[in-house]
Every structure is written in structure tokens, then in C-alpha cells.
């Protein structure tokens, strides 16, 4: 989050969104060496901004289960796809998220 805040420069709106996310993470004791899944991180990222995940018909192979609505929201509202371009096939919500993936997801979701 600190990297994203520094990268936002003079963009006060983006900094405010990122600070809201940071406060949500601290309030809910997220981070500090704990691992987190892609689905859980995406869900928290949306909720921290006050965005309620909404259902839509599944398109991706693993667009089901606990994070189905979160994945659907990323796909429909943000046109989200992982950099490897396999997003049409999977999101892998149970896979542990990497730092790079978390930063990429934040870039796509946190509004400019």
C-alpha cells in the first residue's frame, strides 16, 4: 500500500482511496506476515472501497464458490484479467496471492 500511495503522487482522490484500504486492513488485522488468497484479497479490496460484489452469469472456469460474486464483479465492472492472459479460463481464488499480483489488482480496482 505504501508503494501505491507514493506512486499516486499528487492525486489526492487516489491517495484517499488507498488510505481507506490501509485502514480497513489494519482494523481487520490483515497482513503482518499472514498469507491471504487471491479471492480473499480481492473481496477485501472491493469491500474496503464500499463496493458490494454482485452476481452475474459465470464465464471463467473457476467463477464459482465462495468468491463467485467477487470474481464476477472484477470481470464485469473492471474488465479484470491477470497479466498472463489466462483469465478467460481461471482466477484461482484459493491460490495464495503474491505481492506483484496484489499490486496489479490494486492498480485495476482503485480508481484514479
Protein backbone atom coordinates (compact mmCIF):
# COMPACT_ATOMS: atom_id res chain seq x y z
CA UNK A 1 0.00 0.00 0.00
CA UNK A 2 2.84 2.39 0.79
CA UNK A 3 4.19 1.87 -2.73
CA UNK A 4 0.79 2.63 -4.26
CA UNK A 5 0.40 5.76 -2.09
CA UNK A 6 3.83 7.05 -3.15
CA UNK A 7 3.11 6.22 -6.79
CA UNK A 8 -0.13 8.21 -6.68
CA UNK A 9 1.87 11.46 -6.41
CA UNK A 10 -0.42 14.48 -6.12
CA UNK A 11 -3.61 12.52 -6.88
CA UNK A 12 -5.50 13.19 -3.63
CA UNK A 13 -8.53 11.12 -4.59
CA UNK A 14 -6.40 8.03 -5.24
CA UNK A 15 -4.46 8.57 -2.01
CA UNK A 16 -7.73 8.82 -0.08
CA UNK A 17 -8.94 5.52 -1.59
CA UNK A 18 -5.64 3.82 -0.73
CA UNK A 19 -5.70 5.15 2.82
CA UNK A 20 -9.23 3.81 3.23
CA UNK A 21 -7.97 0.38 2.16
CA UNK A 22 -4.98 0.60 4.52
CA UNK A 23 -7.27 1.49 7.44
CA UNK A 24 -9.55 -1.45 6.58
CA UNK A 25 -6.54 -3.80 6.55
CA UNK A 26 -5.28 -2.51 9.92
CA UNK A 27 -8.74 -2.59 11.51
CA UNK A 28 -9.21 -6.22 10.44
CA UNK A 29 -5.62 -7.29 11.25
CA UNK A 30 -4.83 -8.25 7.67
CA UNK A 31 -1.22 -8.55 6.67
CA UNK A 32 1.71 -8.56 9.09
CA UNK A 33 3.17 -11.72 7.59
CA UNK A 34 -0.13 -13.54 7.19
CA UNK A 35 -0.85 -15.17 3.86
CA UNK A 36 -4.04 -14.40 2.00
CA UNK A 37 -5.71 -15.94 -1.03
CA UNK A 38 -6.42 -14.13 -4.28
CA UNK A 39 -10.16 -14.37 -3.67
CA UNK A 40 -9.95 -13.11 -0.11
CA UNK A 41 -7.70 -10.19 -1.09
CA UNK A 42 -9.97 -9.21 -4.00
CA UNK A 43 -13.04 -9.41 -1.77
CA UNK A 44 -11.41 -7.26 0.93
CA UNK A 45 -10.22 -4.76 -1.67
CA UNK A 46 -13.75 -4.31 -3.01
CA UNK A 47 -15.36 -4.15 0.45
CA UNK A 48 -12.76 -1.65 1.70
CA UNK A 49 -13.95 0.72 -1.02
CA UNK A 50 -17.60 0.12 -0.23
CA UNK A 51 -18.17 -1.94 -3.38
CA UNK A 52 -20.53 -4.86 -2.82
CA UNK A 53 -19.67 -7.83 -5.04
CA UNK A 54 -22.61 -8.54 -7.35
CA UNK A 55 -23.51 -11.77 -9.11
CA UNK A 56 -23.58 -12.23 -12.86
CA UNK A 57 -23.54 -15.33 -15.08
CA UNK A 58 -20.26 -17.22 -14.75
CA UNK A 59 -17.79 -17.02 -17.63
CA UNK A 60 -14.48 -18.21 -16.16
CA UNK A 61 -13.94 -21.87 -15.28
CA UNK A 62 -13.50 -21.21 -11.56
CA UNK A 63 -16.05 -18.42 -11.24
CA UNK A 64 -17.95 -20.27 -8.53
CA UNK A 65 -17.83 -20.98 -4.83
CA UNK A 66 -17.21 -18.53 -2.01
CA UNK A 67 -15.76 -15.73 -4.17
CA UNK A 68 -18.00 -16.13 -7.24
CA UNK A 69 -19.58 -12.68 -6.87
CA UNK A 70 -16.19 -11.06 -6.23
CA UNK A 71 -14.73 -12.60 -9.38
CA UNK A 72 -17.85 -11.65 -11.37
CA UNK A 73 -17.57 -8.04 -10.15
CA UNK A 74 -13.89 -7.85 -11.14
CA UNK A 75 -14.65 -9.27 -14.56
CA UNK A 76 -17.72 -7.14 -15.34
CA UNK A 77 -17.02 -3.83 -13.59
CA UNK A 78 -13.24 -3.63 -14.06
CA UNK A 79 -12.69 -5.84 -17.13
CA UNK A 80 -10.07 -7.58 -14.99
CA UNK A 81 -7.63 -10.15 -16.35
CA UNK A 82 -4.33 -11.38 -14.95
CA UNK A 83 -1.26 -10.32 -16.93
CA UNK A 84 -0.70 -13.86 -18.19
CA UNK A 85 -3.93 -13.61 -20.23
CA UNK A 86 -5.30 -16.89 -18.85
CA UNK A 87 -8.08 -15.05 -17.03
CA UNK A 88 -10.61 -16.29 -19.57
CA UNK A 89 -10.00 -19.70 -18.03
CA UNK A 90 -9.31 -19.04 -14.39
CA UNK A 91 -8.91 -16.65 -11.48
CA UNK A 92 -7.71 -19.28 -8.97
CA UNK A 93 -9.29 -17.65 -5.93
CA UNK A 94 -7.80 -20.18 -3.49
CA UNK A 95 -4.22 -19.59 -4.64
CA UNK A 96 -2.05 -17.51 -2.29
CA UNK A 97 -1.69 -14.01 -3.74
CA UNK A 98 1.79 -12.67 -4.44
CA UNK A 99 2.88 -9.10 -3.81
CA UNK A 100 3.03 -8.44 -7.55
CA UNK A 101 -0.49 -9.79 -8.06
CA UNK A 102 -1.80 -7.70 -5.18
CA UNK A 103 -0.28 -4.53 -6.63
CA UNK A 104 -1.63 -5.35 -10.09
CA UNK A 105 -5.11 -5.99 -8.70
CA UNK A 106 -5.00 -2.68 -6.80
CA UNK A 107 -3.97 -0.87 -9.99
CA UNK A 108 -7.05 -2.25 -11.74
CA UNK A 109 -9.56 -1.68 -8.95
CA UNK A 110 -8.55 1.52 -7.14
CA UNK A 111 -9.90 4.39 -9.18
CA UNK A 112 -7.74 7.18 -10.48
